[in-house]
Amino acid sequence: MSRPALKLRSWPLTVLYYLLPFGALRPLSRVGWRPVSRVALYKSVPTRLLSRAWGRLNQVELPHWLRRPVYSLYIWTFGVNMKEAAVEDLHHYRNLSEFFRRKLKPQARPVCGLHSVISPSDGRILNFGQVKNCEVEQVKGVTYSLESFLGPRTCTEDLPFPPAASCDSFKNQLVTREGNELYHCVIYLAPGDYHCFHSPTDWTVSHRRHFPGSLMSVNPGMARWIKELFCHNERVVLTGDWKHGFFSLTAVGATNVGSIRIYFDRDLHTNSPRHSKGSYNDFSFVTHTNREGVPMRKGEHLGEFNLGSTIVLIFEAPKDFNFQLKTGQKIRFGEALGSL
């Protein structure tokens, strides 16, 4: 491509190309210019910087007189049910961050005791089912690699997934018991949903892997648009074991949701100003004094987002495990996901 064409192939022109009437910038094609794809254009947006700025704004204390109109607008826009909040008085929340992370009344979310796996959060079911060919569906027809999502295997005693020679071997390493299958469930948290997430079952967390990636939107429309979206975004992968073998919960960050907090992990810091693309940080909860890890009870508080995002469960279970779900349905924390 010529030097003039290289200068012209810039994102401002691409933005105009998609905003102006069709063909308005067609003459530029004579010098070799062509627009960047919509996906590439969106990926070039500094979402991490914007998310940090949004996080700073969330921490600003609002004047007492301004709290009710600001929060009321948010409640009206996203359909928030404040009757479930532990504190319904809007003046109680000093800033947007406190409002986003509001707690619920104890009786608002009863935990189902009859089913082995419950929903860890409020949200919408994007997809669920068995993991086949090491590919997981983020939405119907759009997949991502299981290995890319969980990260490469590391030859360390503390890590729950040892090295594997192929894709099938990777999946087989996760399935630790004969006759079991690998299952997944994707839950999208909208901005108006309850932002905390809980333990979906009784299990022990032995390892955390943090991927400081992008912070693109994870709404269902974007998930249909960008392949392997969840593998690009910043995420925190918690892995361990439950009574049927391997179990993992991954909190996926999104635009304006750079802050992912795990209550028992004080060393975790997300949405840092600098990071290397494709890098990750490992941390083991198994120590010389704690040989098992962090035990979690079903329904116990696990972590929180600052706005809305996605939870991905990947776990091992017997072949007769059945999901009690429908794709696209709304679900609340404590309700059944599935059981044997």
C-alpha atoms as a PDB file:
ATOM      1  CA  MET A   1       0.000   0.000   0.000  1.00  0.00           C
ATOM      2  CA  SER A   2       1.294   3.490  -0.858  1.00  0.00           C
ATOM      3  CA  ARG A   3       2.326   6.048   1.760  1.00  0.00           C
ATOM      4  CA  PRO A   4      -0.751   8.282   1.119  1.00  0.00           C
ATOM      5  CA  ALA A   5      -2.992   5.248   1.517  1.00  0.00           C
ATOM      6  CA  LEU A   6      -1.341   4.347   4.813  1.00  0.00           C
ATOM      7  CA  LYS A   7      -1.967   7.850   6.114  1.00  0.00           C
ATOM      8  CA  LEU A   8      -5.586   7.715   5.024  1.00  0.00           C
ATOM      9  CA  ARG A   9      -6.261   4.329   6.580  1.00  0.00           C
ATOM     10  CA  SER A  10      -7.052   5.699  10.018  1.00  0.00           C
ATOM     11  CA  TRP A  11      -9.865   5.175  12.454  1.00  0.00           C
ATOM     12  CA  PRO A  12     -11.357   8.711  12.170  1.00  0.00           C
ATOM     13  CA  LEU A  13     -12.026   8.106   8.470  1.00  0.00           C
ATOM     14  CA  THR A  14     -13.423   4.680   9.265  1.00  0.00           C
ATOM     15  CA  VAL A  15     -15.843   6.209  11.781  1.00  0.00           C
ATOM     16  CA  LEU A  16     -17.020   8.657   9.111  1.00  0.00           C
ATOM     17  CA  TYR A  17     -17.343   5.794   6.634  1.00  0.00           C
ATOM     18  CA  TYR A  18     -19.855   4.019   8.884  1.00  0.00           C
ATOM     19  CA  LEU A  19     -21.712   7.210   9.869  1.00  0.00           C
ATOM     20  CA  LEU A  20     -22.028   9.005   6.514  1.00  0.00           C
ATOM     21  CA  PRO A  21     -24.426   7.957   3.727  1.00  0.00           C
ATOM     22  CA  PHE A  22     -23.333   4.941   1.700  1.00  0.00           C
ATOM     23  CA  GLY A  23     -20.663   5.734  -0.871  1.00  0.00           C
ATOM     24  CA  ALA A  24     -19.748   9.181   0.489  1.00  0.00           C
ATOM     25  CA  LEU A  25     -16.103   8.202   0.937  1.00  0.00           C
ATOM     26  CA  ARG A  26     -15.901   5.915  -2.091  1.00  0.00           C
ATOM     27  CA  PRO A  27     -13.494   8.249  -4.005  1.00  0.00           C
ATOM     28  CA  LEU A  28     -10.825   7.474  -1.384  1.00  0.00           C
ATOM     29  CA  SER A  29     -10.698   3.906  -2.674  1.00  0.00           C
ATOM     30  CA  ARG A  30      -8.855   5.239  -5.728  1.00  0.00           C
ATOM     31  CA  VAL A  31      -5.741   5.770  -3.595  1.00  0.00           C
ATOM     32  CA  GLY A  32      -6.044   2.345  -1.992  1.00  0.00           C
ATOM     33  CA  TRP A  33      -7.947   3.273   1.160  1.00  0.00           C
ATOM     34  CA  ARG A  34     -10.338   0.793   2.682  1.00  0.00           C
ATOM     35  CA  PRO A  35     -12.170   0.997   6.009  1.00  0.00           C
ATOM     36  CA  VAL A  36     -11.171  -0.995   9.039  1.00  0.00           C
ATOM     37  CA  SER A  37     -13.738  -3.633   9.984  1.00  0.00           C
ATOM     38  CA  ARG A  38     -16.272  -2.736  12.644  1.00  0.00           C
ATOM     39  CA  VAL A  39     -14.780  -5.359  14.975  1.00  0.00           C
ATOM     40  CA  ALA A  40     -11.238  -4.011  14.521  1.00  0.00           C
ATOM     41  CA  LEU A  41     -12.535  -0.467  15.010  1.00  0.00           C
ATOM     42  CA  TYR A  42     -14.256  -1.413  18.252  1.00  0.00           C
ATOM     43  CA  LYS A  43     -11.161  -3.270  19.508  1.00  0.00           C
ATOM     44  CA  SER A  44      -9.111  -0.096  18.981  1.00  0.00           C
ATOM     45  CA  VAL A  45     -11.244   1.829  21.491  1.00  0.00           C
ATOM     46  CA  PRO A  46      -9.261   2.310  24.764  1.00  0.00           C
ATOM     47  CA  THR A  47     -11.835   0.480  26.886  1.00  0.00           C
ATOM     48  CA  ARG A  48      -9.405  -0.135  29.773  1.00  0.00           C
ATOM     49  CA  LEU A  49      -8.653   3.582  30.071  1.00  0.00           C
ATOM     50  CA  LEU A  50     -12.356   4.441  29.836  1.00  0.00           C
ATOM     51  CA  SER A  51     -13.173   1.832  32.478  1.00  0.00           C
ATOM     52  CA  ARG A  52     -10.578   3.238  34.884  1.00  0.00           C
ATOM     53  CA  ALA A  53     -11.980   6.731  34.339  1.00  0.00           C
ATOM     54  CA  TRP A  54     -15.487   5.393  34.995  1.00  0.00           C
ATOM     55  CA  GLY A  55     -14.204   3.711  38.158  1.00  0.00           C
ATOM     56  CA  ARG A  56     -12.765   7.011  39.400  1.00  0.00           C
ATOM     57  CA  LEU A  57     -16.070   8.743  38.666  1.00  0.00           C
ATOM     58  CA  ASN A  58     -17.942   6.066  40.595  1.00  0.00           C
ATOM     59  CA  GLN A  59     -15.888   6.842  43.692  1.00  0.00           C
ATOM     60  CA  VAL A  60     -16.800  10.546  43.731  1.00  0.00           C
ATOM     61  CA  GLU A  61     -19.118  11.293  46.633  1.00  0.00           C
ATOM     62  CA  LEU A  62     -22.381  12.817  45.467  1.00  0.00           C
ATOM     63  CA  PRO A  63     -23.979  15.738  47.298  1.00  0.00           C
ATOM     64  CA  HIS A  64     -26.883  14.607  49.473  1.00  0.00           C
ATOM     65  CA  TRP A  65     -29.443  16.490  47.364  1.00  0.00           C
ATOM     66  CA  LEU A  66     -28.184  14.933  44.105  1.00  0.00           C
ATOM     67  CA  ARG A  67     -28.298  11.292  45.144  1.00  0.00           C
ATOM     68  CA  ARG A  68     -32.012  10.658  44.722  1.00  0.00           C
ATOM     69  CA  PRO A  69     -32.326  12.108  41.166  1.00  0.00           C
ATOM     70  CA  VAL A  70     -29.130  10.353  39.944  1.00  0.00           C
ATOM     71  CA  TYR A  71     -30.010   6.946  41.392  1.00  0.00           C
ATOM     72  CA  SER A  72     -33.663   7.292  40.387  1.00  0.00           C
ATOM     73  CA  LEU A  73     -32.608   7.835  36.769  1.00  0.00           C
ATOM     74  CA  TYR A  74     -30.451   4.711  36.908  1.00  0.00           C
ATOM     75  CA  ILE A  75     -33.282   2.706  38.518  1.00  0.00           C
ATOM     76  CA  TRP A  76     -35.712   3.837  35.810  1.00  0.00           C
ATOM     77  CA  THR A  77     -33.252   3.161  32.968  1.00  0.00           C
ATOM     78  CA  PHE A  78     -32.207  -0.355  33.991  1.00  0.00           C
ATOM     79  CA  GLY A  79     -35.267  -1.539  35.919  1.00  0.00           C
ATOM     80  CA  VAL A  80     -33.632  -1.921  39.335  1.00  0.00           C
ATOM     81  CA  ASN A  81     -35.862  -3.376  42.071  1.00  0.00           C
ATOM     82  CA  MET A  82     -34.902  -1.391  45.174  1.00  0.00           C
ATOM     83  CA  LYS A  83     -37.480  -3.213  47.313  1.00  0.00           C
ATOM     84  CA  GLU A  84     -34.997  -6.106  47.434  1.00  0.00           C
ATOM     85  CA  ALA A  85     -32.121  -3.917  48.633  1.00  0.00           C
ATOM     86  CA  ALA A  86     -30.997  -4.227  52.244  1.00  0.00           C
ATOM     87  CA  VAL A  87     -31.079  -0.407  52.393  1.00  0.00           C
ATOM     88  CA  GLU A  88     -33.834   1.150  50.261  1.00  0.00           C
ATOM     89  CA  ASP A  89     -33.047   4.764  51.201  1.00  0.00           C
ATOM     90  CA  LEU A  90     -31.207   6.228  48.183  1.00  0.00           C
ATOM     91  CA  HIS A  91     -29.529   8.876  50.318  1.00  0.00           C
ATOM     92  CA  HIS A  92     -27.615   6.103  52.101  1.00  0.00           C
ATOM     93  CA  TYR A  93     -25.368   5.450  49.081  1.00  0.00           C
ATOM     94  CA  ARG A  94     -22.581   8.034  49.011  1.00  0.00           C
ATOM     95  CA  ASN A  95     -21.439   7.306  45.460  1.00  0.00           C
ATOM     96  CA  LEU A  96     -22.321   5.266  42.390  1.00  0.00           C
ATOM     97  CA  SER A  97     -19.940   2.480  43.387  1.00  0.00           C
ATOM     98  CA  GLU A  98     -21.774   1.886  46.680  1.00  0.00           C
ATOM     99  CA  PHE A  99     -25.084   1.902  44.848  1.00  0.00           C
ATOM    100  CA  PHE A 100     -23.875  -0.653  42.260  1.00  0.00           C
ATOM    101  CA  ARG A 101     -22.610  -2.956  45.020  1.00  0.00           C
ATOM    102  CA  ARG A 102     -25.713  -2.719  47.197  1.00  0.00           C
ATOM    103  CA  LYS A 103     -26.560  -5.770  49.301  1.00  0.00           C
ATOM    104  CA  LEU A 104     -29.883  -7.581  49.280  1.00  0.00           C
ATOM    105  CA  LYS A 105     -32.261  -8.405  52.102  1.00  0.00           C
ATOM    106  CA  PRO A 106     -31.519 -11.888  53.500  1.00  0.00           C
ATOM    107  CA  GLN A 107     -34.893 -13.274  52.392  1.00  0.00           C
ATOM    108  CA  ALA A 108     -34.695 -11.794  48.879  1.00  0.00           C
ATOM    109  CA  ARG A 109     -32.722 -14.731  47.417  1.00  0.00           C
ATOM    110  CA  PRO A 110     -33.469 -18.098  49.068  1.00  0.00           C
ATOM    111  CA  VAL A 111     -30.858 -20.702  48.143  1.00  0.00           C
ATOM    112  CA  CYS A 112     -32.262 -23.884  46.579  1.00  0.00           C
ATOM    113  CA  GLY A 113     -31.218 -26.850  48.695  1.00  0.00           C
ATOM    114  CA  LEU A 114     -32.627 -29.580  46.437  1.00  0.00           C
ATOM    115  CA  HIS A 115     -30.255 -29.074  43.493  1.00  0.00           C
ATOM    116  CA  SER A 116     -26.500 -29.551  43.489  1.00  0.00           C
ATOM    117  CA  VAL A 117     -25.648 -26.441  41.411  1.00  0.00           C
ATOM    118  CA  ILE A 118     -27.364 -23.061  41.798  1.00  0.00           C
ATOM    119  CA  SER A 119     -27.040 -19.791  39.925  1.00  0.00           C
ATOM    120  CA  PRO A 120     -24.150 -17.787  41.410  1.00  0.00           C
ATOM    121  CA  SER A 121     -25.756 -14.485  40.395  1.00  0.00           C
ATOM    122  CA  ASP A 122     -28.733 -12.698  38.930  1.00  0.00           C
ATOM    123  CA  GLY A 123     -28.663 -12.509  35.148  1.00  0.00           C
ATOM    124  CA  ARG A 124     -29.688 -14.055  31.860  1.00  0.00           C
ATOM    125  CA  ILE A 125     -28.673 -17.511  30.616  1.00  0.00           C
ATOM    126  CA  LEU A 126     -26.706 -17.086  27.372  1.00  0.00           C
ATOM    127  CA  ASN A 127     -25.763 -20.735  26.881  1.00  0.00           C
ATOM    128  CA  PHE A 128     -25.292 -24.050  28.647  1.00  0.00           C
ATOM    129  CA  GLY A 129     -24.634 -27.708  27.941  1.00  0.00           C
ATOM    130  CA  GLN A 130     -21.816 -30.185  27.430  1.00  0.00           C
ATOM    131  CA  VAL A 131     -18.385 -29.034  26.263  1.00  0.00           C
ATOM    132  CA  LYS A 132     -17.684 -30.673  22.904  1.00  0.00           C
ATOM    133  CA  ASN A 133     -14.433 -30.672  20.909  1.00  0.00           C
ATOM    134  CA  CYS A 134     -12.840 -28.250  23.388  1.00  0.00           C
ATOM    135  CA  GLU A 135     -15.118 -25.483  22.063  1.00  0.00           C
ATOM    136  CA  VAL A 136     -17.572 -23.623  24.312  1.00  0.00           C
ATOM    137  CA  GLU A 137     -20.485 -21.527  23.006  1.00  0.00           C
ATOM    138  CA  GLN A 138     -20.607 -17.970  24.372  1.00  0.00           C
ATOM    139  CA  VAL A 139     -23.922 -17.531  22.528  1.00  0.00           C
ATOM    140  CA  LYS A 140     -25.728 -19.741  20.014  1.00  0.00           C
ATOM    141  CA  GLY A 141     -23.387 -20.493  17.109  1.00  0.00           C
ATOM    142  CA  VAL A 142     -20.412 -18.423  18.379  1.00  0.00           C
ATOM    143  CA  THR A 143     -17.705 -20.383  20.169  1.00  0.00           C
ATOM    144  CA  TYR A 144     -14.419 -19.900  21.973  1.00  0.00           C
ATOM    145  CA  SER A 145     -11.564 -22.264  22.768  1.00  0.00           C
ATOM    146  CA  LEU A 146     -11.658 -23.908  26.179  1.00  0.00           C
ATOM    147  CA  GLU A 147      -7.866 -23.896  26.316  1.00  0.00           C
ATOM    148  CA  SER A 148      -7.624 -20.210  25.351  1.00  0.00           C
ATOM    149  CA  PHE A 149     -10.218 -19.312  27.956  1.00  0.00           C
ATOM    150  CA  LEU A 150      -8.655 -21.184  30.894  1.00  0.00           C
ATOM    151  CA  GLY A 151      -5.109 -20.547  29.692  1.00  0.00           C
ATOM    152  CA  PRO A 152      -2.166 -22.810  28.910  1.00  0.00           C
ATOM    153  CA  ARG A 153      -1.355 -25.653  31.244  1.00  0.00           C
ATOM    154  CA  THR A 154       1.560 -25.128  33.587  1.00  0.00           C
ATOM    155  CA  CYS A 155       3.694 -27.948  34.920  1.00  0.00           C
ATOM    156  CA  THR A 156       3.247 -27.050  38.579  1.00  0.00           C
ATOM    157  CA  GLU A 157       2.033 -29.297  41.365  1.00  0.00           C
ATOM    158  CA  ASP A 158      -0.419 -26.694  42.649  1.00  0.00           C
ATOM    159  CA  LEU A 159      -2.248 -26.133  39.344  1.00  0.00           C
ATOM    160  CA  PRO A 160      -5.406 -28.131  38.709  1.00  0.00           C
ATOM    161  CA  PHE A 161      -4.694 -28.768  34.999  1.00  0.00           C
ATOM    162  CA  PRO A 162      -1.338 -30.397  34.147  1.00  0.00           C
ATOM    163  CA  PRO A 163       0.288 -30.294  30.682  1.00  0.00           C
ATOM    164  CA  ALA A 164      -1.485 -31.918  27.769  1.00  0.00           C
ATOM    165  CA  ALA A 165      -0.346 -32.810  24.260  1.00  0.00           C
ATOM    166  CA  SER A 166      -3.528 -31.962  22.346  1.00  0.00           C
ATOM    167  CA  CYS A 167      -6.946 -30.350  22.568  1.00  0.00           C
ATOM    168  CA  ASP A 168      -8.641 -33.637  23.488  1.00  0.00           C
ATOM    169  CA  SER A 169      -5.947 -34.319  26.080  1.00  0.00           C
ATOM    170  CA  PHE A 170      -6.609 -30.890  27.621  1.00  0.00           C
ATOM    171  CA  LYS A 171     -10.280 -31.723  28.067  1.00  0.00           C
ATOM    172  CA  ASN A 172      -9.453 -35.198  29.349  1.00  0.00           C
ATOM    173  CA  GLN A 173      -7.096 -33.723  31.943  1.00  0.00           C
ATOM    174  CA  LEU A 174      -9.973 -31.685  33.361  1.00  0.00           C
ATOM    175  CA  VAL A 175     -12.282 -34.703  33.510  1.00  0.00           C
ATOM    176  CA  THR A 176     -10.733 -36.592  36.395  1.00  0.00           C
ATOM    177  CA  ARG A 177     -13.262 -39.419  36.830  1.00  0.00           C
ATOM    178  CA  GLU A 178     -14.282 -42.139  34.405  1.00  0.00           C
ATOM    179  CA  GLY A 179     -17.803 -41.736  33.013  1.00  0.00           C
ATOM    180  CA  ASN A 180     -17.973 -37.994  33.687  1.00  0.00           C
ATOM    181  CA  GLU A 181     -18.484 -35.198  31.158  1.00  0.00           C
ATOM    182  CA  LEU A 182     -17.507 -31.526  31.088  1.00  0.00           C
ATOM    183  CA  TYR A 183     -20.348 -28.972  31.274  1.00  0.00           C
ATOM    184  CA  HIS A 184     -20.582 -25.209  30.963  1.00  0.00           C
ATOM    185  CA  CYS A 185     -23.035 -22.409  31.732  1.00  0.00           C
ATOM    186  CA  VAL A 186     -22.790 -18.718  30.770  1.00  0.00           C
ATOM    187  CA  ILE A 187     -24.696 -16.069  32.771  1.00  0.00           C
ATOM    188  CA  TYR A 188     -24.827 -12.428  31.652  1.00  0.00           C
ATOM    189  CA  LEU A 189     -25.308  -9.774  34.348  1.00  0.00           C
ATOM    190  CA  ALA A 190     -27.006  -6.629  33.024  1.00  0.00           C
ATOM    191  CA  PRO A 191     -26.302  -3.202  34.580  1.00  0.00           C
ATOM    192  CA  GLY A 192     -29.561  -3.351  36.524  1.00  0.00           C
ATOM    193  CA  ASP A 193     -28.886  -6.763  38.075  1.00  0.00           C
ATOM    194  CA  TYR A 194     -27.602  -7.509  41.572  1.00  0.00           C
ATOM    195  CA  HIS A 195     -23.819  -7.194  41.113  1.00  0.00           C
ATOM    196  CA  CYS A 196     -22.486  -9.647  43.704  1.00  0.00           C
ATOM    197  CA  PHE A 197     -21.857 -13.299  42.899  1.00  0.00           C
ATOM    198  CA  HIS A 198     -21.860 -16.314  45.187  1.00  0.00           C
ATOM    199  CA  SER A 199     -20.610 -19.870  45.355  1.00  0.00           C
ATOM    200  CA  PRO A 200     -22.742 -22.046  43.036  1.00  0.00           C
ATOM    201  CA  THR A 201     -22.077 -25.252  44.996  1.00  0.00           C
ATOM    202  CA  ASP A 202     -20.034 -26.755  47.815  1.00  0.00           C
ATOM    203  CA  TRP A 203     -16.471 -26.798  46.502  1.00  0.00           C
ATOM    204  CA  THR A 204     -12.845 -25.976  47.313  1.00  0.00           C
ATOM    205  CA  VAL A 205     -10.978 -23.246  45.410  1.00  0.00           C
ATOM    206  CA  SER A 206      -7.328 -24.192  44.949  1.00  0.00           C
ATOM    207  CA  HIS A 207      -6.085 -21.805  42.273  1.00  0.00           C
ATOM    208  CA  ARG A 208      -6.646 -18.379  40.713  1.00  0.00           C
ATOM    209  CA  ARG A 209      -5.512 -17.266  37.272  1.00  0.00           C
ATOM    210  CA  HIS A 210      -5.902 -13.595  36.308  1.00  0.00           C
ATOM    211  CA  PHE A 211      -5.861 -12.518  32.652  1.00  0.00           C
ATOM    212  CA  PRO A 212      -5.465  -8.693  32.395  1.00  0.00           C
ATOM    213  CA  GLY A 213      -6.989  -8.417  28.916  1.00  0.00           C
ATOM    214  CA  SER A 214      -9.359  -6.059  27.116  1.00  0.00           C
ATOM    215  CA  LEU A 215     -12.596  -4.691  28.570  1.00  0.00           C
ATOM    216  CA  MET A 216     -15.058  -4.922  25.707  1.00  0.00           C
ATOM    217  CA  SER A 217     -18.794  -5.044  26.251  1.00  0.00           C
ATOM    218  CA  VAL A 218     -20.126  -8.557  26.923  1.00  0.00           C
ATOM    219  CA  ASN A 219     -23.814  -7.937  26.211  1.00  0.00           C
ATOM    220  CA  PRO A 220     -25.439 -10.703  24.111  1.00  0.00           C
ATOM    221  CA  GLY A 221     -25.348  -8.598  20.930  1.00  0.00           C
ATOM    222  CA  MET A 222     -21.603  -8.071  21.233  1.00  0.00           C
ATOM    223  CA  ALA A 223     -21.059 -11.734  22.132  1.00  0.00           C
ATOM    224  CA  ARG A 224     -22.698 -12.685  18.806  1.00  0.00           C
ATOM    225  CA  TRP A 225     -20.498 -10.182  16.970  1.00  0.00           C
ATOM    226  CA  ILE A 226     -16.990 -10.939  18.298  1.00  0.00           C
ATOM    227  CA  LYS A 227     -15.696 -14.514  18.265  1.00  0.00           C
ATOM    228  CA  GLU A 228     -13.806 -15.544  21.412  1.00  0.00           C
ATOM    229  CA  LEU A 229     -14.895 -12.336  23.140  1.00  0.00           C
ATOM    230  CA  PHE A 230     -14.495 -13.931  26.575  1.00  0.00           C
ATOM    231  CA  CYS A 231     -10.908 -14.932  25.712  1.00  0.00           C
ATOM    232  CA  HIS A 232     -10.018 -11.322  24.821  1.00  0.00           C
ATOM    233  CA  ASN A 233     -11.478  -9.746  27.955  1.00  0.00           C
ATOM    234  CA  GLU A 234      -9.954  -9.442  31.396  1.00  0.00           C
ATOM    235  CA  ARG A 235     -11.083 -12.331  33.563  1.00  0.00           C
ATOM    236  CA  VAL A 236     -10.424 -14.096  36.839  1.00  0.00           C
ATOM    237  CA  VAL A 237     -10.492 -17.896  36.668  1.00  0.00           C
ATOM    238  CA  LEU A 238     -11.055 -19.747  39.942  1.00  0.00           C
ATOM    239  CA  THR A 239     -10.484 -23.505  39.759  1.00  0.00           C
ATOM    240  CA  GLY A 240     -10.789 -26.324  42.231  1.00  0.00           C
ATOM    241  CA  ASP A 241     -12.831 -29.419  42.996  1.00  0.00           C
ATOM    242  CA  TRP A 242     -16.323 -30.377  44.045  1.00  0.00           C
ATOM    243  CA  LYS A 243     -17.774 -33.770  44.929  1.00  0.00           C
ATOM    244  CA  HIS A 244     -17.835 -34.859  41.262  1.00  0.00           C
ATOM    245  CA  GLY A 245     -14.362 -33.619  40.267  1.00  0.00           C
ATOM    246  CA  PHE A 246     -13.124 -30.475  38.501  1.00  0.00           C
ATOM    247  CA  PHE A 247     -15.009 -27.200  39.039  1.00  0.00           C
ATOM    248  CA  SER A 248     -14.298 -23.644  37.871  1.00  0.00           C
ATOM    249  CA  LEU A 249     -15.953 -20.235  38.058  1.00  0.00           C
ATOM    250  CA  THR A 250     -14.725 -17.389  35.856  1.00  0.00           C
ATOM    251  CA  ALA A 251     -15.659 -13.741  36.362  1.00  0.00           C
ATOM    252  CA  VAL A 252     -15.320 -11.944  33.014  1.00  0.00           C
ATOM    253  CA  GLY A 253     -14.768  -8.178  33.037  1.00  0.00           C
ATOM    254  CA  ALA A 254     -16.412  -5.760  30.592  1.00  0.00           C
ATOM    255  CA  THR A 255     -16.474  -2.095  29.612  1.00  0.00           C
ATOM    256  CA  ASN A 256     -16.793  -0.004  32.796  1.00  0.00           C
ATOM    257  CA  VAL A 257     -16.437  -3.209  34.816  1.00  0.00           C
ATOM    258  CA  GLY A 258     -12.680  -3.313  35.172  1.00  0.00           C
ATOM    259  CA  SER A 259     -12.961  -3.966  38.888  1.00  0.00           C
ATOM    260  CA  ILE A 260     -13.486  -7.644  39.745  1.00  0.00           C
ATOM    261  CA  ARG A 261     -13.246  -8.401  43.436  1.00  0.00           C
ATOM    262  CA  ILE A 262     -12.845 -11.814  45.068  1.00  0.00           C
ATOM    263  CA  TYR A 263     -13.531 -11.448  48.769  1.00  0.00           C
ATOM    264  CA  PHE A 264     -10.947 -13.953  50.031  1.00  0.00           C
ATOM    265  CA  ASP A 265      -8.216 -12.874  47.558  1.00  0.00           C
ATOM    266  CA  ARG A 266      -6.569  -9.661  48.772  1.00  0.00           C
ATOM    267  CA  ASP A 267      -3.690 -10.005  46.291  1.00  0.00           C
ATOM    268  CA  LEU A 268      -5.953  -9.672  43.253  1.00  0.00           C
ATOM    269  CA  HIS A 269      -5.813  -6.288  41.477  1.00  0.00           C
ATOM    270  CA  THR A 270      -7.727  -5.901  38.198  1.00  0.00           C
ATOM    271  CA  ASN A 271      -7.716  -3.267  35.430  1.00  0.00           C
ATOM    272  CA  SER A 272      -4.141  -2.153  36.105  1.00  0.00           C
ATOM    273  CA  PRO A 273      -2.794   0.686  33.908  1.00  0.00           C
ATOM    274  CA  ARG A 274      -0.105  -1.525  32.361  1.00  0.00           C
ATOM    275  CA  HIS A 275      -0.221  -5.126  31.243  1.00  0.00           C
ATOM    276  CA  SER A 276       1.277  -7.377  28.582  1.00  0.00           C
ATOM    277  CA  LYS A 277      -1.142  -8.693  25.981  1.00  0.00           C
ATOM    278  CA  GLY A 278      -1.749 -12.393  26.463  1.00  0.00           C
ATOM    279  CA  SER A 279      -0.142 -12.446  29.905  1.00  0.00           C
ATOM    280  CA  TYR A 280      -1.642 -13.971  33.033  1.00  0.00           C
ATOM    281  CA  ASN A 281      -0.866 -14.237  36.747  1.00  0.00           C
ATOM    282  CA  ASP A 282      -1.187 -17.432  38.742  1.00  0.00           C
ATOM    283  CA  PHE A 283      -1.837 -17.708  42.454  1.00  0.00           C
ATOM    284  CA  SER A 284      -2.252 -20.887  44.482  1.00  0.00           C
ATOM    285  CA  PHE A 285      -4.413 -21.051  47.587  1.00  0.00           C
ATOM    286  CA  VAL A 286      -2.770 -24.360  48.492  1.00  0.00           C
ATOM    287  CA  THR A 287       0.087 -23.752  50.921  1.00  0.00           C
ATOM    288  CA  HIS A 288       2.177 -25.764  53.371  1.00  0.00           C
ATOM    289  CA  THR A 289      -0.246 -24.804  56.125  1.00  0.00           C
ATOM    290  CA  ASN A 290      -3.373 -25.168  53.976  1.00  0.00           C
ATOM    291  CA  ARG A 291      -3.191 -28.305  51.871  1.00  0.00           C
ATOM    292  CA  GLU A 292      -6.696 -28.109  50.417  1.00  0.00           C
ATOM    293  CA  GLY A 293      -7.409 -24.481  49.491  1.00  0.00           C
ATOM    294  CA  VAL A 294     -10.385 -22.246  50.245  1.00  0.00           C
ATOM    295  CA  PRO A 295     -13.603 -24.139  51.094  1.00  0.00           C
ATOM    296  CA  MET A 296     -16.793 -22.502  49.792  1.00  0.00           C
ATOM    297  CA  ARG A 297     -20.346 -23.360  50.803  1.00  0.00           C
ATOM    298  CA  LYS A 298     -23.232 -23.159  48.349  1.00  0.00           C
ATOM    299  CA  GLY A 299     -24.646 -19.626  48.397  1.00  0.00           C
ATOM    300  CA  GLU A 300     -21.691 -18.109  50.265  1.00  0.00           C
ATOM    301  CA  HIS A 301     -20.538 -14.635  49.158  1.00  0.00           C
ATOM    302  CA  LEU A 302     -17.687 -14.993  46.663  1.00  0.00           C
ATOM    303  CA  GLY A 303     -17.122 -11.660  44.892  1.00  0.00           C
ATOM    304  CA  GLU A 304     -18.576  -8.681  43.054  1.00  0.00           C
ATOM    305  CA  PHE A 305     -18.494  -6.594  39.882  1.00  0.00           C
ATOM    306  CA  ASN A 306     -18.744  -2.813  39.742  1.00  0.00           C
ATOM    307  CA  LEU A 307     -21.468  -2.747  37.072  1.00  0.00           C
ATOM    308  CA  GLY A 308     -22.540  -5.768  35.008  1.00  0.00           C
ATOM    309  CA  SER A 309     -20.629  -8.579  33.339  1.00  0.00           C
ATOM    310  CA  THR A 310     -20.531 -12.357  32.845  1.00  0.00           C
ATOM    311  CA  ILE A 311     -20.021 -15.482  34.933  1.00  0.00           C
ATOM    312  CA  VAL A 312     -18.858 -18.685  33.209  1.00  0.00           C
ATOM    313  CA  LEU A 313     -19.065 -22.039  34.979  1.00  0.00           C
ATOM    314  CA  ILE A 314     -17.097 -25.013  33.613  1.00  0.00           C
ATOM    315  CA  PHE A 315     -17.305 -28.191  35.645  1.00  0.00           C
ATOM    316  CA  GLU A 316     -17.139 -31.943  35.616  1.00  0.00           C
ATOM    317  CA  ALA A 317     -20.201 -34.053  36.428  1.00  0.00           C
ATOM    318  CA  PRO A 318     -21.656 -37.505  35.716  1.00  0.00           C
ATOM    319  CA  LYS A 319     -23.378 -38.072  32.374  1.00  0.00           C
ATOM    320  CA  ASP A 320     -26.829 -37.950  33.958  1.00  0.00           C
ATOM    321  CA  PHE A 321     -26.387 -34.310  35.068  1.00  0.00           C
ATOM    322  CA  ASN A 322     -29.332 -32.243  33.792  1.00  0.00           C
ATOM    323  CA  PHE A 323     -29.672 -28.476  33.477  1.00  0.00           C
ATOM    324  CA  GLN A 324     -33.008 -26.992  34.587  1.00  0.00           C
ATOM    325  CA  LEU A 325     -32.691 -24.079  32.156  1.00  0.00           C
ATOM    326  CA  LYS A 326     -33.727 -22.471  28.884  1.00  0.00           C
ATOM    327  CA  THR A 327     -31.454 -20.291  26.771  1.00  0.00           C
ATOM    328  CA  GLY A 328     -32.316 -16.617  27.234  1.00  0.00           C
ATOM    329  CA  GLN A 329     -34.249 -17.057  30.479  1.00  0.00           C
ATOM    330  CA  LYS A 330     -33.836 -14.672  33.403  1.00  0.00           C
ATOM    331  CA  ILE A 331     -32.431 -16.256  36.529  1.00  0.00           C
ATOM    332  CA  ARG A 332     -31.725 -15.078  40.057  1.00  0.00           C
ATOM    333  CA  PHE A 333     -29.026 -15.997  42.509  1.00  0.00           C
ATOM    334  CA  GLY A 334     -29.994 -19.113  44.490  1.00  0.00           C
ATOM    335  CA  GLU A 335     -32.214 -20.643  41.817  1.00  0.00           C
ATOM    336  CA  ALA A 336     -31.393 -24.090  40.429  1.00  0.00           C
ATOM    337  CA  LEU A 337     -29.064 -24.489  37.451  1.00  0.00           C
ATOM    338  CA  GLY A 338     -29.099 -28.279  37.413  1.00  0.00           C
ATOM    339  CA  SER A 339     -28.700 -31.495  39.334  1.00  0.00           C
ATOM    340  CA  LEU A 340     -28.260 -35.246  39.073  1.00  0.00           C
END
